[in-house]
Amino acid sequence: MNKLETALSRFNNGFQCSQAVLAAFAPQLGMDEETAIKVAGVFGGGVANTGGTCGAVSGAFMVIGLEYTDTDIKNYKAQKKANAVTREFIKNFITLNGSTICKELINCDISTSEGFKYAIEKNLFTNVCPKFVKDSIEILEHSL
């Protein structure tokens, strides 16, 4: 399976968007999939279902950080590169989707019980969110 197929398979099998994105890149980044799924576990639904930054976007940020940053705090060049790639990712994602904020992307505030129930009833997570996983993977594949 390629990264897009892997991510969509994980997402369609119940993992959060953040987990699906990071897990798809885990082998390339020297990380096992189980660790990737655990690390990304609270970023779905705009971080713990608060409707903030889209989980697929957060997963992409984790991928970028793992790919470009360094544990040497004096490696300013690496941080500068990571920041530039992140800003470009944000620009591309917004061009495709209009926002990086979960509640704006799905037009529903899932931080409330009513909003979450509405999202479930309207199948927003299964009908709308896969596009954000797909877009994140495709943008990353052109950035890394």
C-alpha atoms as a PDB file:
ATOM      1  CA  MET A   1       0.000   0.000   0.000  1.00  0.00           C
ATOM      2  CA  ASN A   2       1.158   3.531  -0.673  1.00  0.00           C
ATOM      3  CA  LYS A   3       0.927   6.282   1.960  1.00  0.00           C
ATOM      4  CA  LEU A   4      -2.471   7.522   0.816  1.00  0.00           C
ATOM      5  CA  GLU A   5      -3.962   4.028   0.827  1.00  0.00           C
ATOM      6  CA  THR A   6      -2.423   3.350   4.227  1.00  0.00           C
ATOM      7  CA  ALA A   7      -3.784   6.571   5.720  1.00  0.00           C
ATOM      8  CA  LEU A   8      -7.277   6.128   4.309  1.00  0.00           C
ATOM      9  CA  SER A   9      -7.334   2.494   5.415  1.00  0.00           C
ATOM     10  CA  ARG A  10      -6.377   3.465   8.968  1.00  0.00           C
ATOM     11  CA  PHE A  11      -8.926   6.282   9.025  1.00  0.00           C
ATOM     12  CA  ASN A  12     -11.715   4.165   7.544  1.00  0.00           C
ATOM     13  CA  ASN A  13     -10.994   1.469  10.149  1.00  0.00           C
ATOM     14  CA  GLY A  14     -11.613   3.846  13.039  1.00  0.00           C
ATOM     15  CA  PHE A  15      -8.337   5.609  13.724  1.00  0.00           C
ATOM     16  CA  GLN A  16      -8.405   9.379  14.022  1.00  0.00           C
ATOM     17  CA  CYS A  17      -7.275  11.568  11.133  1.00  0.00           C
ATOM     18  CA  SER A  18      -4.111  12.599  12.994  1.00  0.00           C
ATOM     19  CA  GLN A  19      -3.226   8.958  13.634  1.00  0.00           C
ATOM     20  CA  ALA A  20      -3.865   7.986  10.016  1.00  0.00           C
ATOM     21  CA  VAL A  21      -1.571  10.694   8.645  1.00  0.00           C
ATOM     22  CA  LEU A  22       1.323  10.117  11.038  1.00  0.00           C
ATOM     23  CA  ALA A  23       1.069   6.316  10.774  1.00  0.00           C
ATOM     24  CA  ALA A  24       1.305   6.498   6.978  1.00  0.00           C
ATOM     25  CA  PHE A  25       4.704   8.190   7.231  1.00  0.00           C
ATOM     26  CA  ALA A  26       5.967   6.362  10.325  1.00  0.00           C
ATOM     27  CA  PRO A  27       8.223   3.847   8.533  1.00  0.00           C
ATOM     28  CA  GLN A  28       9.854   6.608   6.477  1.00  0.00           C
ATOM     29  CA  LEU A  29      10.509   8.552   9.677  1.00  0.00           C
ATOM     30  CA  GLY A  30      12.023   5.629  11.589  1.00  0.00           C
ATOM     31  CA  MET A  31       8.984   5.238  13.820  1.00  0.00           C
ATOM     32  CA  ASP A  32       6.879   2.146  14.270  1.00  0.00           C
ATOM     33  CA  GLU A  33       3.200   2.482  13.482  1.00  0.00           C
ATOM     34  CA  GLU A  34       2.087   1.668  17.035  1.00  0.00           C
ATOM     35  CA  THR A  35       4.116   4.569  18.438  1.00  0.00           C
ATOM     36  CA  ALA A  36       2.806   6.895  15.731  1.00  0.00           C
ATOM     37  CA  ILE A  37      -0.779   5.960  16.574  1.00  0.00           C
ATOM     38  CA  LYS A  38      -0.175   6.570  20.281  1.00  0.00           C
ATOM     39  CA  VAL A  39       1.605   9.910  19.751  1.00  0.00           C
ATOM     40  CA  ALA A  40      -1.138  11.219  17.467  1.00  0.00           C
ATOM     41  CA  GLY A  41      -3.966   9.831  19.588  1.00  0.00           C
ATOM     42  CA  VAL A  42      -5.317  13.051  21.067  1.00  0.00           C
ATOM     43  CA  PHE A  43      -5.144  15.292  18.008  1.00  0.00           C
ATOM     44  CA  GLY A  44      -8.273  14.097  16.186  1.00  0.00           C
ATOM     45  CA  GLY A  45     -11.368  16.250  16.024  1.00  0.00           C
ATOM     46  CA  GLY A  46      -9.333  19.410  16.234  1.00  0.00           C
ATOM     47  CA  VAL A  47      -7.369  18.219  19.301  1.00  0.00           C
ATOM     48  CA  ALA A  48      -9.436  16.064  21.652  1.00  0.00           C
ATOM     49  CA  ASN A  49     -12.660  16.891  19.773  1.00  0.00           C
ATOM     50  CA  THR A  50     -12.424  20.610  20.567  1.00  0.00           C
ATOM     51  CA  GLY A  51     -12.830  21.643  16.926  1.00  0.00           C
ATOM     52  CA  GLY A  52      -9.419  23.363  16.805  1.00  0.00           C
ATOM     53  CA  THR A  53      -6.678  22.580  14.316  1.00  0.00           C
ATOM     54  CA  CYS A  54      -7.779  19.686  12.087  1.00  0.00           C
ATOM     55  CA  GLY A  55      -6.275  16.391  13.179  1.00  0.00           C
ATOM     56  CA  ALA A  56      -5.060  15.601   9.659  1.00  0.00           C
ATOM     57  CA  VAL A  57      -3.207  18.918   9.738  1.00  0.00           C
ATOM     58  CA  SER A  58      -1.780  18.182  13.197  1.00  0.00           C
ATOM     59  CA  GLY A  59      -0.641  14.773  11.940  1.00  0.00           C
ATOM     60  CA  ALA A  60       1.077  16.499   9.030  1.00  0.00           C
ATOM     61  CA  PHE A  61       2.804  18.909  11.425  1.00  0.00           C
ATOM     62  CA  MET A  62       4.156  15.918  13.349  1.00  0.00           C
ATOM     63  CA  VAL A  63       5.470  14.407  10.122  1.00  0.00           C
ATOM     64  CA  ILE A  64       7.173  17.673   9.182  1.00  0.00           C
ATOM     65  CA  GLY A  65       8.694  18.025  12.644  1.00  0.00           C
ATOM     66  CA  LEU A  66      10.065  14.498  12.580  1.00  0.00           C
ATOM     67  CA  GLU A  67      11.441  14.972   9.076  1.00  0.00           C
ATOM     68  CA  TYR A  68      13.065  18.388   9.438  1.00  0.00           C
ATOM     69  CA  THR A  69      13.768  19.368  13.032  1.00  0.00           C
ATOM     70  CA  ASP A  70      16.853  18.384  14.992  1.00  0.00           C
ATOM     71  CA  THR A  71      17.557  17.607  18.623  1.00  0.00           C
ATOM     72  CA  ASP A  72      20.480  20.041  18.438  1.00  0.00           C
ATOM     73  CA  ILE A  73      18.855  23.262  19.656  1.00  0.00           C
ATOM     74  CA  LYS A  74      21.524  25.263  17.847  1.00  0.00           C
ATOM     75  CA  ASN A  75      20.578  23.824  14.470  1.00  0.00           C
ATOM     76  CA  TYR A  76      18.682  26.926  13.427  1.00  0.00           C
ATOM     77  CA  LYS A  77      18.835  25.917   9.782  1.00  0.00           C
ATOM     78  CA  ALA A  78      16.781  22.777  10.502  1.00  0.00           C
ATOM     79  CA  GLN A  79      14.179  24.742  12.475  1.00  0.00           C
ATOM     80  CA  LYS A  80      13.986  27.367   9.751  1.00  0.00           C
ATOM     81  CA  LYS A  81      13.397  24.627   7.155  1.00  0.00           C
ATOM     82  CA  ALA A  82      10.732  22.944   9.315  1.00  0.00           C
ATOM     83  CA  ASN A  83       8.933  26.250   9.789  1.00  0.00           C
ATOM     84  CA  ALA A  84       9.077  27.039   6.058  1.00  0.00           C
ATOM     85  CA  VAL A  85       7.687  23.617   5.106  1.00  0.00           C
ATOM     86  CA  THR A  86       4.952  23.971   7.745  1.00  0.00           C
ATOM     87  CA  ARG A  87       3.926  27.414   6.484  1.00  0.00           C
ATOM     88  CA  GLU A  88       3.829  26.096   2.911  1.00  0.00           C
ATOM     89  CA  PHE A  89       1.719  23.137   4.040  1.00  0.00           C
ATOM     90  CA  ILE A  90      -0.739  25.512   5.755  1.00  0.00           C
ATOM     91  CA  LYS A  91      -0.956  27.689   2.644  1.00  0.00           C
ATOM     92  CA  ASN A  92      -1.629  24.687   0.404  1.00  0.00           C
ATOM     93  CA  PHE A  93      -4.177  23.151   2.767  1.00  0.00           C
ATOM     94  CA  ILE A  94      -6.067  26.443   3.080  1.00  0.00           C
ATOM     95  CA  THR A  95      -6.036  26.844  -0.705  1.00  0.00           C
ATOM     96  CA  LEU A  96      -7.698  23.436  -1.028  1.00  0.00           C
ATOM     97  CA  ASN A  97     -10.073  23.652   1.938  1.00  0.00           C
ATOM     98  CA  GLY A  98     -10.459  27.259   3.090  1.00  0.00           C
ATOM     99  CA  SER A  99      -9.220  26.654   6.648  1.00  0.00           C
ATOM    100  CA  THR A 100      -7.145  24.417   8.907  1.00  0.00           C
ATOM    101  CA  ILE A 101      -9.717  24.571  11.723  1.00  0.00           C
ATOM    102  CA  CYS A 102     -11.822  21.438  12.215  1.00  0.00           C
ATOM    103  CA  LYS A 103     -15.118  23.120  13.106  1.00  0.00           C
ATOM    104  CA  GLU A 104     -14.801  25.398  10.065  1.00  0.00           C
ATOM    105  CA  LEU A 105     -13.885  22.532   7.748  1.00  0.00           C
ATOM    106  CA  ILE A 106     -16.838  20.372   8.771  1.00  0.00           C
ATOM    107  CA  ASN A 107     -19.130  23.334   9.521  1.00  0.00           C
ATOM    108  CA  CYS A 108     -19.988  21.902  12.909  1.00  0.00           C
ATOM    109  CA  ASP A 109     -18.782  22.544  16.455  1.00  0.00           C
ATOM    110  CA  ILE A 110     -17.985  19.074  17.754  1.00  0.00           C
ATOM    111  CA  SER A 111     -16.825  20.465  21.093  1.00  0.00           C
ATOM    112  CA  THR A 112     -20.468  20.460  22.189  1.00  0.00           C
ATOM    113  CA  SER A 113     -22.465  17.296  22.740  1.00  0.00           C
ATOM    114  CA  GLU A 114     -25.127  18.570  20.313  1.00  0.00           C
ATOM    115  CA  GLY A 115     -22.512  19.330  17.659  1.00  0.00           C
ATOM    116  CA  PHE A 116     -20.789  15.985  18.079  1.00  0.00           C
ATOM    117  CA  LYS A 117     -24.120  14.188  17.845  1.00  0.00           C
ATOM    118  CA  TYR A 118     -24.966  16.165  14.701  1.00  0.00           C
ATOM    119  CA  ALA A 119     -21.583  15.245  13.142  1.00  0.00           C
ATOM    120  CA  ILE A 120     -22.256  11.565  13.820  1.00  0.00           C
ATOM    121  CA  GLU A 121     -25.823  11.722  12.502  1.00  0.00           C
ATOM    122  CA  LYS A 122     -24.733  13.510   9.321  1.00  0.00           C
ATOM    123  CA  ASN A 123     -21.730  11.190   8.836  1.00  0.00           C
ATOM    124  CA  LEU A 124     -19.367  14.147   8.676  1.00  0.00           C
ATOM    125  CA  PHE A 125     -16.406  12.102   9.917  1.00  0.00           C
ATOM    126  CA  THR A 126     -16.905   9.448   7.240  1.00  0.00           C
ATOM    127  CA  ASN A 127     -18.111  11.639   4.361  1.00  0.00           C
ATOM    128  CA  VAL A 128     -16.163  14.870   4.817  1.00  0.00           C
ATOM    129  CA  CYS A 129     -12.989  14.151   6.789  1.00  0.00           C
ATOM    130  CA  PRO A 130     -11.347  11.638   4.424  1.00  0.00           C
ATOM    131  CA  LYS A 131     -10.689  14.522   2.030  1.00  0.00           C
ATOM    132  CA  PHE A 132      -8.598  16.265   4.692  1.00  0.00           C
ATOM    133  CA  VAL A 133      -6.575  13.099   5.283  1.00  0.00           C
ATOM    134  CA  LYS A 134      -6.080  12.753   1.517  1.00  0.00           C
ATOM    135  CA  ASP A 135      -5.095  16.390   1.059  1.00  0.00           C
ATOM    136  CA  SER A 136      -2.640  16.218   3.963  1.00  0.00           C
ATOM    137  CA  ILE A 137      -0.960  13.120   2.565  1.00  0.00           C
ATOM    138  CA  GLU A 138      -0.733  14.564  -0.939  1.00  0.00           C
ATOM    139  CA  ILE A 139       0.669  17.891   0.242  1.00  0.00           C
ATOM    140  CA  LEU A 140       3.236  16.084   2.405  1.00  0.00           C
ATOM    141  CA  GLU A 141       4.296  13.822  -0.429  1.00  0.00           C
ATOM    142  CA  HIS A 142       5.127  16.892  -2.508  1.00  0.00           C
ATOM    143  CA  SER A 143       6.903  18.611   0.418  1.00  0.00           C
ATOM    144  CA  LEU A 144       9.174  15.888   1.771  1.00  0.00           C
END
